[in-house]
Amino acid sequence: MEKLILISHGGFCEGIKDRVEMILGPQENIETVALMPSEGPDDFAAKFKEDAGEADKVVVFADLLGGTPANTVSKLIMQGADYQLYAGMNLPMIISYINGQMLGEEMDYVAMGLSTL
């Protein structure tokens, strides 16, 4: 089973998920993990690992390159976790990802991000 996890500072990831579901309908395989002001990297890592669970494939979109959520998942990847991590999450990116999954297509998210610069 493939799982998509949206991570962010505060409720940004939850807002993105809400907008995605408003446009595309309910999404069973999307989780959100928000870093709250009272939490540190270890708290966030514990929540993230719990949500990632035993999925066969975990794709992660983070709000900000260099922020605690992205850095925490990057550290897990460097320790051997098999996650795909993309930073700079936005609504069109997530909708493209989900549409690509439904159509069996893969998007180049690095090129997509660079094209908006």
PDB file of N, CA and C in Angstrom:
ATOM      1  N   MET A   1       0.832  -1.177   0.000  1.00  0.00           N
ATOM      2  CA  MET A   1       0.000   0.000   0.000  1.00  0.00           C
ATOM      3  C   MET A   1       0.884   1.250   0.000  1.00  0.00           C
ATOM      4  N   GLU A   2       0.504   2.222  -0.823  1.00  0.00           N
ATOM      5  CA  GLU A   2       1.230   3.492  -0.876  1.00  0.00           C
ATOM      6  C   GLU A   2       0.512   4.515   0.004  1.00  0.00           C
ATOM      7  N   LYS A   3       1.323   5.295   0.696  1.00  0.00           N
ATOM      8  CA  LYS A   3       0.765   6.322   1.574  1.00  0.00           C
ATOM      9  C   LYS A   3       1.406   7.660   1.238  1.00  0.00           C
ATOM     10  N   LEU A   4       0.569   8.694   1.192  1.00  0.00           N
ATOM     11  CA  LEU A   4       1.018  10.063   0.996  1.00  0.00           C
ATOM     12  C   LEU A   4       0.901  10.777   2.332  1.00  0.00           C
ATOM     13  N   ILE A   5       1.997  11.374   2.791  1.00  0.00           N
ATOM     14  CA  ILE A   5       1.986  12.105   4.054  1.00  0.00           C
ATOM     15  C   ILE A   5       2.386  13.549   3.778  1.00  0.00           C
ATOM     16  N   LEU A   6       1.518  14.469   4.197  1.00  0.00           N
ATOM     17  CA  LEU A   6       1.780  15.896   4.089  1.00  0.00           C
ATOM     18  C   LEU A   6       2.262  16.375   5.450  1.00  0.00           C
ATOM     19  N   ILE A   7       3.419  17.059   5.474  1.00  0.00           N
ATOM     20  CA  ILE A   7       3.982  17.521   6.740  1.00  0.00           C
ATOM     21  C   ILE A   7       4.214  19.022   6.679  1.00  0.00           C
ATOM     22  N   SER A   8       4.046  19.667   7.840  1.00  0.00           N
ATOM     23  CA  SER A   8       4.230  21.120   7.838  1.00  0.00           C
ATOM     24  C   SER A   8       4.363  21.666   9.247  1.00  0.00           C
ATOM     25  N   HIS A   9       4.705  22.941   9.294  1.00  0.00           N
ATOM     26  CA  HIS A   9       4.636  23.727  10.519  1.00  0.00           C
ATOM     27  C   HIS A   9       3.164  24.064  10.736  1.00  0.00           C
ATOM     28  N   GLY A  10       2.625  23.763  11.891  1.00  0.00           N
ATOM     29  CA  GLY A  10       1.230  24.072  12.182  1.00  0.00           C
ATOM     30  C   GLY A  10       0.279  23.335  11.254  1.00  0.00           C
ATOM     31  N   GLY A  11      -0.909  23.898  11.072  1.00  0.00           N
ATOM     32  CA  GLY A  11      -1.970  23.225  10.346  1.00  0.00           C
ATOM     33  C   GLY A  11      -1.956  23.390   8.844  1.00  0.00           C
ATOM     34  N   PHE A  12      -0.867  23.897   8.259  1.00  0.00           N
ATOM     35  CA  PHE A  12      -0.803  24.081   6.812  1.00  0.00           C
ATOM     36  C   PHE A  12      -1.101  22.784   6.068  1.00  0.00           C
ATOM     37  N   CYS A  13      -0.510  21.673   6.519  1.00  0.00           N
ATOM     38  CA  CYS A  13      -0.713  20.391   5.839  1.00  0.00           C
ATOM     39  C   CYS A  13      -2.175  19.958   5.900  1.00  0.00           C
ATOM     40  N   GLU A  14      -2.834  20.227   7.014  1.00  0.00           N
ATOM     41  CA  GLU A  14      -4.242  19.865   7.142  1.00  0.00           C
ATOM     42  C   GLU A  14      -5.104  20.712   6.211  1.00  0.00           C
ATOM     43  N   GLY A  15      -4.736  21.986   6.049  1.00  0.00           N
ATOM     44  CA  GLY A  15      -5.451  22.857   5.122  1.00  0.00           C
ATOM     45  C   GLY A  15      -5.300  22.396   3.683  1.00  0.00           C
ATOM     46  N   ILE A  16      -4.098  21.993   3.303  1.00  0.00           N
ATOM     47  CA  ILE A  16      -3.871  21.466   1.949  1.00  0.00           C
ATOM     48  C   ILE A  16      -4.731  20.222   1.729  1.00  0.00           C
ATOM     49  N   LYS A  17      -4.732  19.308   2.697  1.00  0.00           N
ATOM     50  CA  LYS A  17      -5.536  18.090   2.555  1.00  0.00           C
ATOM     51  C   LYS A  17      -7.016  18.437   2.416  1.00  0.00           C
ATOM     52  N   ASP A  18      -7.498  19.367   3.223  1.00  0.00           N
ATOM     53  CA  ASP A  18      -8.902  19.774   3.127  1.00  0.00           C
ATOM     54  C   ASP A  18      -9.235  20.316   1.739  1.00  0.00           C
ATOM     55  N   ARG A  19      -8.356  21.148   1.174  1.00  0.00           N
ATOM     56  CA  ARG A  19      -8.610  21.712  -0.153  1.00  0.00           C
ATOM     57  C   ARG A  19      -8.548  20.636  -1.227  1.00  0.00           C
ATOM     58  N   VAL A  20      -7.600  19.695  -1.097  1.00  0.00           N
ATOM     59  CA  VAL A  20      -7.510  18.588  -2.055  1.00  0.00           C
ATOM     60  C   VAL A  20      -8.811  17.799  -2.046  1.00  0.00           C
ATOM     61  N   GLU A  21      -9.324  17.492  -0.860  1.00  0.00           N
ATOM     62  CA  GLU A  21     -10.558  16.706  -0.773  1.00  0.00           C
ATOM     63  C   GLU A  21     -11.768  17.507  -1.238  1.00  0.00           C
ATOM     64  N   MET A  22     -11.737  18.818  -1.116  1.00  0.00           N
ATOM     65  CA  MET A  22     -12.820  19.648  -1.640  1.00  0.00           C
ATOM     66  C   MET A  22     -12.856  19.544  -3.167  1.00  0.00           C
ATOM     67  N   ILE A  23     -11.685  19.437  -3.790  1.00  0.00           N
ATOM     68  CA  ILE A  23     -11.589  19.384  -5.251  1.00  0.00           C
ATOM     69  C   ILE A  23     -11.741  17.960  -5.778  1.00  0.00           C
ATOM     70  N   LEU A  24     -11.066  17.000  -5.154  1.00  0.00           N
ATOM     71  CA  LEU A  24     -11.016  15.631  -5.677  1.00  0.00           C
ATOM     72  C   LEU A  24     -11.880  14.630  -4.914  1.00  0.00           C
ATOM     73  N   GLY A  25     -12.466  15.048  -3.827  1.00  0.00           N
ATOM     74  CA  GLY A  25     -13.234  14.120  -3.006  1.00  0.00           C
ATOM     75  C   GLY A  25     -12.353  13.462  -1.962  1.00  0.00           C
ATOM     76  N   PRO A  26     -12.951  12.650  -1.092  1.00  0.00           N
ATOM     77  CA  PRO A  26     -12.200  12.016   0.004  1.00  0.00           C
ATOM     78  C   PRO A  26     -11.004  11.199  -0.501  1.00  0.00           C
ATOM     79  N   GLN A  27      -9.903  11.289   0.240  1.00  0.00           N
ATOM     80  CA  GLN A  27      -8.663  10.592  -0.105  1.00  0.00           C
ATOM     81  C   GLN A  27      -8.265   9.694   1.061  1.00  0.00           C
ATOM     82  N   GLU A  28      -8.318   8.392   0.853  1.00  0.00           N
ATOM     83  CA  GLU A  28      -8.060   7.441   1.935  1.00  0.00           C
ATOM     84  C   GLU A  28      -6.600   7.323   2.324  1.00  0.00           C
ATOM     85  N   ASN A  29      -5.691   7.540   1.397  1.00  0.00           N
ATOM     86  CA  ASN A  29      -4.274   7.275   1.661  1.00  0.00           C
ATOM     87  C   ASN A  29      -3.452   8.525   1.930  1.00  0.00           C
ATOM     88  N   ILE A  30      -4.100   9.607   2.357  1.00  0.00           N
ATOM     89  CA  ILE A  30      -3.365  10.825   2.712  1.00  0.00           C
ATOM     90  C   ILE A  30      -3.415  10.998   4.224  1.00  0.00           C
ATOM     91  N   GLU A  31      -2.242  11.185   4.808  1.00  0.00           N
ATOM     92  CA  GLU A  31      -2.118  11.493   6.229  1.00  0.00           C
ATOM     93  C   GLU A  31      -1.488  12.880   6.347  1.00  0.00           C
ATOM     94  N   THR A  32      -1.711  13.528   7.466  1.00  0.00           N
ATOM     95  CA  THR A  32      -1.045  14.800   7.744  1.00  0.00           C
ATOM     96  C   THR A  32      -0.339  14.702   9.093  1.00  0.00           C
ATOM     97  N   VAL A  33       0.823  15.316   9.147  1.00  0.00           N
ATOM     98  CA  VAL A  33       1.567  15.387  10.408  1.00  0.00           C
ATOM     99  C   VAL A  33       2.031  16.832  10.554  1.00  0.00           C
ATOM    100  N   ALA A  34       1.482  17.496  11.557  1.00  0.00           N
ATOM    101  CA  ALA A  34       1.784  18.908  11.787  1.00  0.00           C
ATOM    102  C   ALA A  34       2.711  19.064  12.992  1.00  0.00           C
ATOM    103  N   LEU A  35       3.734  19.882  12.824  1.00  0.00           N
ATOM    104  CA  LEU A  35       4.606  20.253  13.932  1.00  0.00           C
ATOM    105  C   LEU A  35       3.957  21.428  14.646  1.00  0.00           C
ATOM    106  N   MET A  36       3.580  21.218  15.883  1.00  0.00           N
ATOM    107  CA  MET A  36       2.923  22.258  16.651  1.00  0.00           C
ATOM    108  C   MET A  36       3.956  23.042  17.465  1.00  0.00           C
ATOM    109  N   PRO A  37       3.639  24.281  17.849  1.00  0.00           N
ATOM    110  CA  PRO A  37       4.615  25.128  18.553  1.00  0.00           C
ATOM    111  C   PRO A  37       5.175  24.506  19.835  1.00  0.00           C
ATOM    112  N   SER A  38       4.417  23.673  20.508  1.00  0.00           N
ATOM    113  CA  SER A  38       4.871  23.070  21.766  1.00  0.00           C
ATOM    114  C   SER A  38       5.736  21.827  21.552  1.00  0.00           C
ATOM    115  N   GLU A  39       5.959  21.428  20.290  1.00  0.00           N
ATOM    116  CA  GLU A  39       6.678  20.192  19.992  1.00  0.00           C
ATOM    117  C   GLU A  39       8.080  20.460  19.457  1.00  0.00           C
ATOM    118  N   GLY A  40       8.933  19.466  19.631  1.00  0.00           N
ATOM    119  CA  GLY A  40      10.277  19.504  19.082  1.00  0.00           C
ATOM    120  C   GLY A  40      10.449  18.417  18.037  1.00  0.00           C
ATOM    121  N   PRO A  41      11.652  18.307  17.470  1.00  0.00           N
ATOM    122  CA  PRO A  41      11.910  17.315  16.428  1.00  0.00           C
ATOM    123  C   PRO A  41      11.610  15.877  16.854  1.00  0.00           C
ATOM    124  N   ASP A  42      11.908  15.520  18.095  1.00  0.00           N
ATOM    125  CA  ASP A  42      11.655  14.145  18.542  1.00  0.00           C
ATOM    126  C   ASP A  42      10.158  13.842  18.605  1.00  0.00           C
ATOM    127  N   ASP A  43       9.376  14.819  19.057  1.00  0.00           N
ATOM    128  CA  ASP A  43       7.919  14.652  19.084  1.00  0.00           C
ATOM    129  C   ASP A  43       7.385  14.473  17.668  1.00  0.00           C
ATOM    130  N   PHE A  44       7.878  15.314  16.763  1.00  0.00           N
ATOM    131  CA  PHE A  44       7.427  15.247  15.379  1.00  0.00           C
ATOM    132  C   PHE A  44       7.815  13.902  14.756  1.00  0.00           C
ATOM    133  N   ALA A  45       9.046  13.463  14.992  1.00  0.00           N
ATOM    134  CA  ALA A  45       9.509  12.183  14.432  1.00  0.00           C
ATOM    135  C   ALA A  45       8.639  11.032  14.917  1.00  0.00           C
ATOM    136  N   ALA A  46       8.266  11.025  16.185  1.00  0.00           N
ATOM    137  CA  ALA A  46       7.422   9.955  16.730  1.00  0.00           C
ATOM    138  C   ALA A  46       6.060   9.949  16.040  1.00  0.00           C
ATOM    139  N   LYS A  47       5.458  11.131  15.881  1.00  0.00           N
ATOM    140  CA  LYS A  47       4.155  11.209  15.200  1.00  0.00           C
ATOM    141  C   LYS A  47       4.279  10.761  13.749  1.00  0.00           C
ATOM    142  N   PHE A  48       5.352  11.190  13.084  1.00  0.00           N
ATOM    143  CA  PHE A  48       5.539  10.838  11.683  1.00  0.00           C
ATOM    144  C   PHE A  48       5.688   9.328  11.510  1.00  0.00           C
ATOM    145  N   LYS A  49       6.547   8.728  12.318  1.00  0.00           N
ATOM    146  CA  LYS A  49       6.777   7.278  12.202  1.00  0.00           C
ATOM    147  C   LYS A  49       5.495   6.493  12.465  1.00  0.00           C
ATOM    148  N   GLU A  50       4.693   6.962  13.399  1.00  0.00           N
ATOM    149  CA  GLU A  50       3.414   6.294  13.677  1.00  0.00           C
ATOM    150  C   GLU A  50       2.498   6.357  12.457  1.00  0.00           C
ATOM    151  N   ASP A  51       2.430   7.517  11.804  1.00  0.00           N
ATOM    152  CA  ASP A  51       1.569   7.648  10.630  1.00  0.00           C
ATOM    153  C   ASP A  51       2.124   6.894   9.425  1.00  0.00           C
ATOM    154  N   ALA A  52       3.436   6.842   9.286  1.00  0.00           N
ATOM    155  CA  ALA A  52       4.035   6.113   8.161  1.00  0.00           C
ATOM    156  C   ALA A  52       3.768   4.626   8.298  1.00  0.00           C
ATOM    157  N   GLY A  53       3.793   4.128   9.521  1.00  0.00           N
ATOM    158  CA  GLY A  53       3.462   2.727   9.788  1.00  0.00           C
ATOM    159  C   GLY A  53       4.228   1.754   8.923  1.00  0.00           C
ATOM    160  N   GLU A  54       3.517   0.786   8.425  1.00  0.00           N
ATOM    161  CA  GLU A  54       4.116  -0.301   7.636  1.00  0.00           C
ATOM    162  C   GLU A  54       3.778  -0.191   6.153  1.00  0.00           C
ATOM    163  N   ALA A  55       3.548   1.008   5.660  1.00  0.00           N
ATOM    164  CA  ALA A  55       3.212   1.186   4.249  1.00  0.00           C
ATOM    165  C   ALA A  55       4.359   0.698   3.367  1.00  0.00           C
ATOM    166  N   ASP A  56       4.012   0.135   2.209  1.00  0.00           N
ATOM    167  CA  ASP A  56       5.026  -0.330   1.257  1.00  0.00           C
ATOM    168  C   ASP A  56       5.824   0.833   0.684  1.00  0.00           C
ATOM    169  N   LYS A  57       5.137   1.940   0.438  1.00  0.00           N
ATOM    170  CA  LYS A  57       5.788   3.117  -0.134  1.00  0.00           C
ATOM    171  C   LYS A  57       5.225   4.346   0.573  1.00  0.00           C
ATOM    172  N   VAL A  58       6.118   5.224   1.001  1.00  0.00           N
ATOM    173  CA  VAL A  58       5.702   6.464   1.661  1.00  0.00           C
ATOM    174  C   VAL A  58       6.284   7.637   0.876  1.00  0.00           C
ATOM    175  N   VAL A  59       5.379   8.489   0.396  1.00  0.00           N
ATOM    176  CA  VAL A  59       5.771   9.709  -0.301  1.00  0.00           C
ATOM    177  C   VAL A  59       5.398  10.866   0.617  1.00  0.00           C
ATOM    178  N   VAL A  60       6.360  11.761   0.823  1.00  0.00           N
ATOM    179  CA  VAL A  60       6.182  12.852   1.774  1.00  0.00           C
ATOM    180  C   VAL A  60       6.356  14.183   1.056  1.00  0.00           C
ATOM    181  N   PHE A  61       5.392  15.077   1.273  1.00  0.00           N
ATOM    182  CA  PHE A  61       5.516  16.448   0.798  1.00  0.00           C
ATOM    183  C   PHE A  61       5.595  17.347   2.023  1.00  0.00           C
ATOM    184  N   ALA A  62       6.623  18.183   2.073  1.00  0.00           N
ATOM    185  CA  ALA A  62       6.869  19.083   3.210  1.00  0.00           C
ATOM    186  C   ALA A  62       6.644  20.527   2.780  1.00  0.00           C
ATOM    187  N   ASP A  63       6.271  21.345   3.748  1.00  0.00           N
ATOM    188  CA  ASP A  63       5.993  22.743   3.444  1.00  0.00           C
ATOM    189  C   ASP A  63       7.243  23.543   3.098  1.00  0.00           C
ATOM    190  N   LEU A  64       8.358  23.273   3.752  1.00  0.00           N
ATOM    191  CA  LEU A  64       9.498  24.174   3.660  1.00  0.00           C
ATOM    192  C   LEU A  64      10.820  23.410   3.709  1.00  0.00           C
ATOM    193  N   LEU A  65      11.640  23.594   2.709  1.00  0.00           N
ATOM    194  CA  LEU A  65      12.978  23.021   2.707  1.00  0.00           C
ATOM    195  C   LEU A  65      13.789  23.648   3.836  1.00  0.00           C
ATOM    196  N   GLY A  66      14.410  22.828   4.654  1.00  0.00           N
ATOM    197  CA  GLY A  66      15.240  23.332   5.745  1.00  0.00           C
ATOM    198  C   GLY A  66      14.494  23.540   7.046  1.00  0.00           C
ATOM    199  N   GLY A  67      13.181  23.336   7.041  1.00  0.00           N
ATOM    200  CA  GLY A  67      12.404  23.452   8.268  1.00  0.00           C
ATOM    201  C   GLY A  67      12.438  22.153   9.062  1.00  0.00           C
ATOM    202  N   THR A  68      12.021  22.209  10.297  1.00  0.00           N
ATOM    203  CA  THR A  68      12.059  21.039  11.176  1.00  0.00           C
ATOM    204  C   THR A  68      11.322  19.834  10.599  1.00  0.00           C
ATOM    205  N   PRO A  69      10.104  19.974  10.043  1.00  0.00           N
ATOM    206  CA  PRO A  69       9.454  18.775   9.495  1.00  0.00           C
ATOM    207  C   PRO A  69      10.280  18.103   8.395  1.00  0.00           C
ATOM    208  N   ALA A  70      10.738  18.868   7.419  1.00  0.00           N
ATOM    209  CA  ALA A  70      11.535  18.293   6.327  1.00  0.00           C
ATOM    210  C   ALA A  70      12.866  17.761   6.840  1.00  0.00           C
ATOM    211  N   ASN A  71      13.515  18.496   7.735  1.00  0.00           N
ATOM    212  CA  ASN A  71      14.797  18.040   8.277  1.00  0.00           C
ATOM    213  C   ASN A  71      14.648  16.751   9.067  1.00  0.00           C
ATOM    214  N   THR A  72      13.561  16.630   9.808  1.00  0.00           N
ATOM    215  CA  THR A  72      13.338  15.419  10.603  1.00  0.00           C
ATOM    216  C   THR A  72      13.159  14.202   9.700  1.00  0.00           C
ATOM    217  N   VAL A  73      12.374  14.334   8.640  1.00  0.00           N
ATOM    218  CA  VAL A  73      12.189  13.215   7.712  1.00  0.00           C
ATOM    219  C   VAL A  73      13.480  12.940   6.949  1.00  0.00           C
ATOM    220  N   SER A  74      14.215  13.993   6.588  1.00  0.00           N
ATOM    221  CA  SER A  74      15.520  13.804   5.928  1.00  0.00           C
ATOM    222  C   SER A  74      16.458  12.982   6.802  1.00  0.00           C
ATOM    223  N   LYS A  75      16.455  13.277   8.087  1.00  0.00           N
ATOM    224  CA  LYS A  75      17.300  12.534   9.017  1.00  0.00           C
ATOM    225  C   LYS A  75      16.889  11.056   9.056  1.00  0.00           C
ATOM    226  N   LEU A  76      15.580  10.792   9.058  1.00  0.00           N
ATOM    227  CA  LEU A  76      15.106   9.401   9.037  1.00  0.00           C
ATOM    228  C   LEU A  76      15.557   8.696   7.759  1.00  0.00           C
ATOM    229  N   ILE A  77      15.527   9.413   6.634  1.00  0.00           N
ATOM    230  CA  ILE A  77      15.990   8.844   5.367  1.00  0.00           C
ATOM    231  C   ILE A  77      17.486   8.531   5.444  1.00  0.00           C
ATOM    232  N   MET A  78      18.273   9.454   6.012  1.00  0.00           N
ATOM    233  CA  MET A  78      19.717   9.225   6.144  1.00  0.00           C
ATOM    234  C   MET A  78      20.021   8.058   7.077  1.00  0.00           C
ATOM    235  N   GLN A  79      19.075   7.741   7.969  1.00  0.00           N
ATOM    236  CA  GLN A  79      19.241   6.610   8.880  1.00  0.00           C
ATOM    237  C   GLN A  79      18.716   5.312   8.276  1.00  0.00           C
ATOM    238  N   GLY A  80      18.277   5.352   7.009  1.00  0.00           N
ATOM    239  CA  GLY A  80      17.881   4.133   6.313  1.00  0.00           C
ATOM    240  C   GLY A  80      16.405   3.989   5.987  1.00  0.00           C
ATOM    241  N   ALA A  81      15.564   4.926   6.407  1.00  0.00           N
ATOM    242  CA  ALA A  81      14.146   4.839   6.080  1.00  0.00           C
ATOM    243  C   ALA A  81      13.952   5.054   4.580  1.00  0.00           C
ATOM    244  N   ASP A  82      13.004   4.338   4.004  1.00  0.00           N
ATOM    245  CA  ASP A  82      12.760   4.404   2.563  1.00  0.00           C
ATOM    246  C   ASP A  82      11.540   5.278   2.287  1.00  0.00           C
ATOM    247  N   TYR A  83      11.748   6.599   2.301  1.00  0.00           N
ATOM    248  CA  TYR A  83      10.693   7.567   2.010  1.00  0.00           C
ATOM    249  C   TYR A  83      11.137   8.417   0.833  1.00  0.00           C
ATOM    250  N   GLN A  84      10.179   8.885   0.038  1.00  0.00           N
ATOM    251  CA  GLN A  84      10.446   9.892  -0.981  1.00  0.00           C
ATOM    252  C   GLN A  84      10.001  11.218  -0.383  1.00  0.00           C
ATOM    253  N   LEU A  85      10.889  12.204  -0.358  1.00  0.00           N
ATOM    254  CA  LEU A  85      10.601  13.487   0.276  1.00  0.00           C
ATOM    255  C   LEU A  85      10.738  14.620  -0.730  1.00  0.00           C
ATOM    256  N   TYR A  86       9.700  15.453  -0.800  1.00  0.00           N
ATOM    257  CA  TYR A  86       9.702  16.645  -1.639  1.00  0.00           C
ATOM    258  C   TYR A  86       9.357  17.832  -0.754  1.00  0.00           C
ATOM    259  N   ALA A  87      10.064  18.939  -0.914  1.00  0.00           N
ATOM    260  CA  ALA A  87       9.806  20.138  -0.109  1.00  0.00           C
ATOM    261  C   ALA A  87       9.297  21.255  -1.010  1.00  0.00           C
ATOM    262  N   GLY A  88       8.559  22.178  -0.403  1.00  0.00           N
ATOM    263  CA  GLY A  88       7.969  23.273  -1.150  1.00  0.00           C
ATOM    264  C   GLY A  88       6.549  22.945  -1.583  1.00  0.00           C
ATOM    265  N   MET A  89       5.850  22.183  -0.762  1.00  0.00           N
ATOM    266  CA  MET A  89       4.510  21.695  -1.075  1.00  0.00           C
ATOM    267  C   MET A  89       3.547  22.833  -1.376  1.00  0.00           C
ATOM    268  N   ASN A  90       2.717  22.596  -2.395  1.00  0.00           N
ATOM    269  CA  ASN A  90       1.622  23.517  -2.698  1.00  0.00           C
ATOM    270  C   ASN A  90       0.446  22.709  -3.241  1.00  0.00           C
ATOM    271  N   LEU A  91      -0.702  23.328  -3.334  1.00  0.00           N
ATOM    272  CA  LEU A  91      -1.916  22.626  -3.737  1.00  0.00           C
ATOM    273  C   LEU A  91      -1.815  22.022  -5.140  1.00  0.00           C
ATOM    274  N   PRO A  92      -1.350  22.763  -6.163  1.00  0.00           N
ATOM    275  CA  PRO A  92      -1.244  22.146  -7.497  1.00  0.00           C
ATOM    276  C   PRO A  92      -0.328  20.918  -7.518  1.00  0.00           C
ATOM    277  N   MET A  93       0.728  20.956  -6.726  1.00  0.00           N
ATOM    278  CA  MET A  93       1.654  19.826  -6.665  1.00  0.00           C
ATOM    279  C   MET A  93       0.953  18.569  -6.126  1.00  0.00           C
ATOM    280  N   ILE A  94       0.181  18.725  -5.071  1.00  0.00           N
ATOM    281  CA  ILE A  94      -0.487  17.569  -4.467  1.00  0.00           C
ATOM    282  C   ILE A  94      -1.581  17.042  -5.392  1.00  0.00           C
ATOM    283  N   ILE A  95      -2.331  17.939  -6.021  1.00  0.00           N
ATOM    284  CA  ILE A  95      -3.362  17.499  -6.969  1.00  0.00           C
ATOM    285  C   ILE A  95      -2.723  16.768  -8.147  1.00  0.00           C
ATOM    286  N   SER A  96      -1.601  17.276  -8.656  1.00  0.00           N
ATOM    287  CA  SER A  96      -0.887  16.597  -9.750  1.00  0.00           C
ATOM    288  C   SER A  96      -0.421  15.219  -9.326  1.00  0.00           C
ATOM    289  N   TYR A  97       0.088  15.118  -8.107  1.00  0.00           N
ATOM    290  CA  TYR A  97       0.540  13.815  -7.608  1.00  0.00           C
ATOM    291  C   TYR A  97      -0.623  12.818  -7.581  1.00  0.00           C
ATOM    292  N   ILE A  98      -1.750  13.218  -7.009  1.00  0.00           N
ATOM    293  CA  ILE A  98      -2.899  12.316  -6.895  1.00  0.00           C
ATOM    294  C   ILE A  98      -3.443  11.955  -8.277  1.00  0.00           C
ATOM    295  N   ASN A  99      -3.556  12.937  -9.167  1.00  0.00           N
ATOM    296  CA  ASN A  99      -4.000  12.648 -10.534  1.00  0.00           C
ATOM    297  C   ASN A  99      -3.041  11.687 -11.222  1.00  0.00           C
ATOM    298  N   GLY A 100      -1.753  11.903 -11.042  1.00  0.00           N
ATOM    299  CA  GLY A 100      -0.757  11.005 -11.623  1.00  0.00           C
ATOM    300  C   GLY A 100      -0.905   9.585 -11.108  1.00  0.00           C
ATOM    301  N   GLN A 101      -1.194   9.427  -9.831  1.00  0.00           N
ATOM    302  CA  GLN A 101      -1.401   8.102  -9.252  1.00  0.00           C
ATOM    303  C   GLN A 101      -2.619   7.425  -9.878  1.00  0.00           C
ATOM    304  N   MET A 102      -3.692   8.198 -10.060  1.00  0.00           N
ATOM    305  CA  MET A 102      -4.912   7.636 -10.658  1.00  0.00           C
ATOM    306  C   MET A 102      -4.691   7.227 -12.112  1.00  0.00           C
ATOM    307  N   LEU A 103      -3.824   7.960 -12.818  1.00  0.00           N
ATOM    308  CA  LEU A 103      -3.574   7.684 -14.230  1.00  0.00           C
ATOM    309  C   LEU A 103      -2.350   6.808 -14.467  1.00  0.00           C
ATOM    310  N   GLY A 104      -1.632   6.475 -13.411  1.00  0.00           N
ATOM    311  CA  GLY A 104      -0.422   5.667 -13.552  1.00  0.00           C
ATOM    312  C   GLY A 104       0.750   6.432 -14.133  1.00  0.00           C
ATOM    313  N   GLU A 105       0.778   7.737 -13.932  1.00  0.00           N
ATOM    314  CA  GLU A 105       1.863   8.579 -14.439  1.00  0.00           C
ATOM    315  C   GLU A 105       2.698   9.087 -13.279  1.00  0.00           C
ATOM    316  N   GLU A 106       3.982   9.330 -13.547  1.00  0.00           N
ATOM    317  CA  GLU A 106       4.850   9.909 -12.527  1.00  0.00           C
ATOM    318  C   GLU A 106       5.230  11.314 -12.944  1.00  0.00           C
ATOM    319  N   MET A 107       5.166  12.236 -11.991  1.00  0.00           N
ATOM    320  CA  MET A 107       5.522  13.628 -12.243  1.00  0.00           C
ATOM    321  C   MET A 107       6.971  13.870 -11.804  1.00  0.00           C
ATOM    322  N   ASP A 108       7.604  14.828 -12.445  1.00  0.00           N
ATOM    323  CA  ASP A 108       8.927  15.271 -12.043  1.00  0.00           C
ATOM    324  C   ASP A 108       8.751  16.498 -11.162  1.00  0.00           C
ATOM    325  N   TYR A 109       8.675  16.290  -9.837  1.00  0.00           N
ATOM    326  CA  TYR A 109       8.375  17.378  -8.913  1.00  0.00           C
ATOM    327  C   TYR A 109       9.524  18.371  -8.779  1.00  0.00           C
ATOM    328  N   VAL A 110      10.737  17.932  -9.032  1.00  0.00           N
ATOM    329  CA  VAL A 110      11.866  18.854  -9.003  1.00  0.00           C
ATOM    330  C   VAL A 110      11.723  19.849 -10.160  1.00  0.00           C
ATOM    331  N   ALA A 111      11.459  19.338 -11.349  1.00  0.00           N
ATOM    332  CA  ALA A 111      11.271  20.224 -12.513  1.00  0.00           C
ATOM    333  C   ALA A 111      10.061  21.126 -12.318  1.00  0.00           C
ATOM    334  N   MET A 112       8.989  20.571 -11.742  1.00  0.00           N
ATOM    335  CA  MET A 112       7.789  21.355 -11.493  1.00  0.00           C
ATOM    336  C   MET A 112       8.099  22.529 -10.556  1.00  0.00           C
ATOM    337  N   GLY A 113       8.854  22.243  -9.509  1.00  0.00           N
ATOM    338  CA  GLY A 113       9.216  23.290  -8.552  1.00  0.00           C
ATOM    339  C   GLY A 113      10.115  24.340  -9.180  1.00  0.00           C
ATOM    340  N   LEU A 114      11.054  23.914 -10.000  1.00  0.00           N
ATOM    341  CA  LEU A 114      11.956  24.860 -10.647  1.00  0.00           C
ATOM    342  C   LEU A 114      11.236  25.738 -11.655  1.00  0.00           C
ATOM    343  N   SER A 115      10.182  25.214 -12.268  1.00  0.00           N
ATOM    344  CA  SER A 115       9.475  25.997 -13.268  1.00  0.00           C
ATOM    345  C   SER A 115       8.695  27.157 -12.671  1.00  0.00           C
ATOM    346  N   THR A 116       8.482  27.130 -11.371  1.00  0.00           N
ATOM    347  CA  THR A 116       7.750  28.214 -10.721  1.00  0.00           C
ATOM    348  C   THR A 116       8.673  29.309 -10.193  1.00  0.00           C
ATOM    349  N   LEU A 117       9.979  29.139 -10.350  1.00  0.00           N
ATOM    350  CA  LEU A 117      10.933  30.146  -9.872  1.00  0.00           C
ATOM    351  C   LEU A 117      11.001  31.327 -10.799  1.00  0.00           C
TER     352      LEU A 117
END
